[in-house]
């Protein structure tokens, strides 16, 4: 979060694949779409939703706590939006207060995960969906957002348990989407273009965090 002010992601834009397909259909008229494209697009038909399993998590170390549907939008990542980034946030509050905020439809923002000071991880939005966490539509669509319990001006809030748990989570996300483990692809909220947030702040130990992620990448899941 970094600041109390919430930002809203805009309405979903049409992906490049959809535009290309639309142009092909218009040009060919009765041309038949390829089987794999139909498989990816059938769920976009009005009244049809892609199958989901209630309570399913993407990271085995997390427990599911659903965010309000007002704070994210349905997608089919990485098929419609490629994922190539992880954005690090700080809650500016307790773990429970962040959960409460993300379950509030009036908050208009939420991250995919929250990591507690004790290393506890909650997943609130599926990685395949777009969370309103970065305050930048393009970055929302291409990233996974991870909140960390605490305050940016309290270095004691960033515990070893938190760093280690978050590093394991980020390592699995990077492995899943082939994201490079570097500071161009693992960034702080403050580094998102156009943001007015400051998290994770000057007390966040990036050198330690990146070292733990690289170590976790070489450790069997």
Protein backbone atom coordinates (compact mmCIF):
# COMPACT_ATOMS: atom_id res chain seq x y z
CA UNK A 1 0.00 0.00 0.00
CA UNK A 2 2.56 2.60 1.14
CA UNK A 3 -0.15 5.25 1.51
CA UNK A 4 -3.79 5.08 2.52
CA UNK A 5 -4.94 6.48 -0.83
CA UNK A 6 -6.30 3.70 -3.03
CA UNK A 7 -6.04 3.70 -6.79
CA UNK A 8 -8.43 2.07 -9.22
CA UNK A 9 -7.55 0.05 -12.24
CA UNK A 10 -9.51 0.95 -15.36
CA UNK A 11 -11.83 -1.24 -17.36
CA UNK A 12 -10.15 -4.16 -19.02
CA UNK A 13 -8.56 -3.30 -22.34
CA UNK A 14 -8.79 -5.63 -25.30
CA UNK A 15 -5.63 -7.74 -25.62
CA UNK A 16 -3.55 -7.76 -28.79
CA UNK A 17 -4.56 -11.36 -29.50
CA UNK A 18 -8.25 -10.40 -29.36
CA UNK A 19 -7.68 -7.50 -31.76
CA UNK A 20 -5.80 -9.72 -34.19
CA UNK A 21 -8.51 -12.35 -34.03
CA UNK A 22 -11.22 -9.73 -34.53
CA UNK A 23 -9.42 -8.41 -37.61
CA UNK A 24 -9.01 -11.90 -39.03
CA UNK A 25 -12.70 -12.68 -38.57
CA UNK A 26 -13.73 -9.41 -40.19
CA UNK A 27 -11.48 -10.02 -43.17
CA UNK A 28 -12.25 -13.67 -43.66
CA UNK A 29 -15.92 -13.50 -42.85
CA UNK A 30 -16.73 -17.17 -42.38
CA UNK A 31 -13.16 -18.25 -41.54
CA UNK A 32 -12.95 -20.72 -38.70
CA UNK A 33 -10.85 -19.76 -35.67
CA UNK A 34 -8.03 -22.11 -34.73
CA UNK A 35 -8.88 -24.66 -32.04
CA UNK A 36 -6.38 -23.28 -29.51
CA UNK A 37 -7.67 -19.74 -29.91
CA UNK A 38 -11.23 -20.90 -29.34
CA UNK A 39 -10.11 -22.71 -26.22
CA UNK A 40 -8.66 -19.48 -24.88
CA UNK A 41 -11.57 -17.25 -25.86
CA UNK A 42 -14.67 -19.29 -25.07
CA UNK A 43 -14.86 -17.99 -21.50
CA UNK A 44 -15.07 -14.37 -22.70
CA UNK A 45 -18.50 -15.05 -24.14
CA UNK A 46 -21.14 -13.14 -22.11
CA UNK A 47 -22.48 -15.30 -19.31
CA UNK A 48 -19.57 -17.75 -19.45
CA UNK A 49 -16.83 -17.81 -16.82
CA UNK A 50 -13.60 -19.75 -16.81
CA UNK A 51 -13.86 -22.63 -14.33
CA UNK A 52 -12.43 -21.85 -10.87
CA UNK A 53 -12.05 -24.00 -7.79
CA UNK A 54 -13.18 -22.22 -4.65
CA UNK A 55 -10.32 -21.68 -2.24
CA UNK A 56 -7.64 -22.83 -4.69
CA UNK A 57 -4.21 -21.23 -4.20
CA UNK A 58 -1.32 -20.80 -6.63
CA UNK A 59 1.34 -21.10 -3.93
CA UNK A 60 1.27 -24.16 -1.69
CA UNK A 61 2.53 -22.20 1.31
CA UNK A 62 -0.46 -19.82 1.31
CA UNK A 63 -3.96 -19.99 2.74
CA UNK A 64 -6.86 -18.59 0.78
CA UNK A 65 -8.66 -15.46 2.02
CA UNK A 66 -10.76 -13.94 -0.75
CA UNK A 67 -10.55 -10.23 -1.57
CA UNK A 68 -13.65 -8.30 -2.63
CA UNK A 69 -14.39 -8.73 -6.32
CA UNK A 70 -14.47 -4.92 -6.55
CA UNK A 71 -10.71 -4.87 -5.95
CA UNK A 72 -9.61 -7.01 -8.90
CA UNK A 73 -10.81 -8.08 -12.33
CA UNK A 74 -11.11 -11.44 -13.96
CA UNK A 75 -8.46 -12.44 -16.49
CA UNK A 76 -6.70 -15.47 -17.93
CA UNK A 77 -3.08 -14.62 -17.28
CA UNK A 78 -0.57 -15.33 -18.65
CA UNK A 79 -2.54 -16.16 -21.83
CA UNK A 80 -4.10 -12.73 -22.19
CA UNK A 81 -1.55 -10.68 -20.24
CA UNK A 82 1.99 -11.94 -19.83
CA UNK A 83 3.39 -11.85 -16.28
CA UNK A 84 6.96 -10.57 -16.08
CA UNK A 85 7.16 -8.68 -12.80
CA UNK A 86 6.68 -8.88 -9.02
CA UNK A 87 5.81 -5.69 -7.13
CA UNK A 88 6.74 -5.42 -3.44
CA UNK A 89 4.42 -3.45 -1.13
CA UNK A 90 4.19 -2.62 2.57
CA UNK A 91 0.76 -2.55 4.19
CA UNK A 92 1.20 0.51 6.44
CA UNK A 93 -0.71 -1.44 9.05
CA UNK A 94 -1.24 -4.88 10.50
CA UNK A 95 -1.82 -8.11 8.61
CA UNK A 96 -5.46 -8.15 9.72
CA UNK A 97 -6.05 -4.54 8.72
CA UNK A 98 -4.73 -5.27 5.23
CA UNK A 99 -7.03 -8.28 4.89
CA UNK A 100 -9.97 -6.16 6.03
CA UNK A 101 -9.10 -3.42 3.54
CA UNK A 102 -8.81 -5.86 0.63
CA UNK A 103 -12.19 -7.38 1.54
CA UNK A 104 -13.79 -3.93 1.51
CA UNK A 105 -15.36 -3.21 -1.90
CA UNK A 106 -14.96 0.51 -1.27
CA UNK A 107 -11.18 0.22 -0.94
CA UNK A 108 -10.77 -0.30 -4.70
CA UNK A 109 -7.32 -1.87 -4.31
CA UNK A 110 -5.81 -5.19 -3.29
CA UNK A 111 -2.70 -7.32 -3.83
CA UNK A 112 -2.49 -10.99 -4.72
CA UNK A 113 -0.66 -11.90 -1.50
CA UNK A 114 0.00 -10.63 2.02
CA UNK A 115 3.04 -11.83 3.99
CA UNK A 116 2.99 -11.45 7.77
CA UNK A 117 5.85 -10.67 10.10
CA UNK A 118 5.70 -14.28 11.32
CA UNK A 119 6.05 -15.60 7.75
CA UNK A 120 2.38 -16.40 7.32
CA UNK A 121 1.18 -16.01 3.70
CA UNK A 122 -2.37 -15.32 2.60
CA UNK A 123 -3.47 -15.36 -1.03
CA UNK A 124 -6.42 -13.06 -1.71
CA UNK A 125 -6.51 -12.96 -5.52
CA UNK A 126 -5.59 -15.65 -8.04
CA UNK A 127 -2.45 -14.96 -10.05
CA UNK A 128 -4.42 -15.42 -13.25
CA UNK A 129 -6.52 -12.37 -12.33
CA UNK A 130 -5.53 -8.69 -12.38
CA UNK A 131 -5.24 -7.14 -8.91
CA UNK A 132 -5.57 -3.38 -8.43
CA UNK A 133 -2.32 -2.96 -6.54
CA UNK A 134 0.20 -0.92 -8.52
CA UNK A 135 -1.77 2.20 -9.42
CA UNK A 136 -0.74 1.70 -13.04
CA UNK A 137 -2.92 -0.32 -15.42
CA UNK A 138 -0.07 -1.80 -17.46
CA UNK A 139 1.86 -2.82 -14.35
CA UNK A 140 -1.27 -4.32 -12.78
CA UNK A 141 -1.80 -6.48 -15.85
CA UNK A 142 1.78 -7.74 -16.04
CA UNK A 143 2.65 -8.24 -12.36
CA UNK A 144 1.94 -10.12 -9.16
CA UNK A 145 1.60 -7.89 -6.08
CA UNK A 146 2.88 -8.91 -2.65
CA UNK A 147 2.06 -6.90 0.48
CA UNK A 148 4.20 -7.12 3.63
CA UNK A 149 2.90 -6.43 7.11
CA UNK A 150 4.35 -3.34 8.74
CA UNK A 151 5.26 0.30 8.30
CA UNK A 152 7.88 1.74 5.96
CA UNK A 153 9.52 3.79 8.73
CA UNK A 154 9.92 0.83 11.14
CA UNK A 155 12.86 -1.38 10.12
CA UNK A 156 12.04 -3.78 12.96
CA UNK A 157 8.82 -4.71 11.14
CA UNK A 158 10.80 -6.44 8.38
CA UNK A 159 11.59 -9.69 10.16
CA UNK A 160 13.76 -12.56 8.98
CA UNK A 161 10.64 -14.75 8.87
CA UNK A 162 8.95 -12.24 6.57
CA UNK A 163 11.92 -11.92 4.22
CA UNK A 164 12.37 -15.68 3.97
CA UNK A 165 8.67 -16.43 3.41
CA UNK A 166 8.34 -13.68 0.82
CA UNK A 167 11.52 -14.79 -0.95
CA UNK A 168 10.21 -18.35 -1.26
CA UNK A 169 6.93 -17.03 -2.64
CA UNK A 170 8.63 -14.71 -5.13
CA UNK A 171 11.02 -17.47 -6.21
CA UNK A 172 8.07 -19.73 -7.07
CA UNK A 173 6.32 -16.93 -8.98
CA UNK A 174 9.50 -16.23 -10.95
CA UNK A 175 9.93 -19.93 -11.73
CA UNK A 176 6.30 -20.29 -12.81
CA UNK A 177 6.42 -17.42 -15.32
CA UNK A 178 10.14 -17.50 -16.17
CA UNK A 179 10.70 -14.06 -14.63
CA UNK A 180 14.37 -13.04 -14.28
CA UNK A 181 15.48 -12.68 -10.67
CA UNK A 182 16.79 -9.13 -10.89
CA UNK A 183 15.79 -5.64 -9.82
CA UNK A 184 14.32 -4.81 -13.21
CA UNK A 185 11.64 -7.45 -12.72
CA UNK A 186 11.29 -7.49 -8.92
CA UNK A 187 10.52 -3.92 -7.92
CA UNK A 188 9.05 -1.80 -5.17
CA UNK A 189 5.73 -0.01 -5.43
CA UNK A 190 7.65 3.27 -5.36
CA UNK A 191 9.28 2.30 -8.67
CA UNK A 192 6.00 1.98 -10.58
CA UNK A 193 5.63 4.88 -13.02
CA UNK A 194 3.10 7.47 -11.93
CA UNK A 195 2.69 6.19 -8.37
CA UNK A 196 2.53 8.44 -5.31
CA UNK A 197 3.46 5.59 -2.96
CA UNK A 198 6.76 5.20 -1.11
CA UNK A 199 6.79 1.53 -0.17
CA UNK A 200 8.66 -0.60 0.60
CA UNK A 201 10.81 2.34 1.77
CA UNK A 202 14.46 2.85 2.58
CA UNK A 203 14.52 0.22 5.33
CA UNK A 204 13.64 -2.62 2.99
CA UNK A 205 16.83 -4.66 2.51
CA UNK A 206 16.87 -5.33 -1.22
CA UNK A 207 20.29 -6.99 -1.16
CA UNK A 208 19.15 -9.49 1.46
CA UNK A 209 15.81 -10.07 -0.25
CA UNK A 210 17.31 -10.74 -3.67
CA UNK A 211 19.91 -13.07 -2.18
CA UNK A 212 17.16 -15.07 -0.45
CA UNK A 213 15.14 -15.27 -3.68
CA UNK A 214 18.12 -16.59 -5.63
CA UNK A 215 18.79 -19.15 -2.94
CA UNK A 216 15.14 -20.22 -2.91
CA UNK A 217 15.21 -20.60 -6.73
CA UNK A 218 17.85 -23.32 -6.38
CA UNK A 219 15.99 -25.13 -3.59
CA UNK A 220 13.43 -27.80 -4.54
CA UNK A 221 9.86 -26.62 -3.96
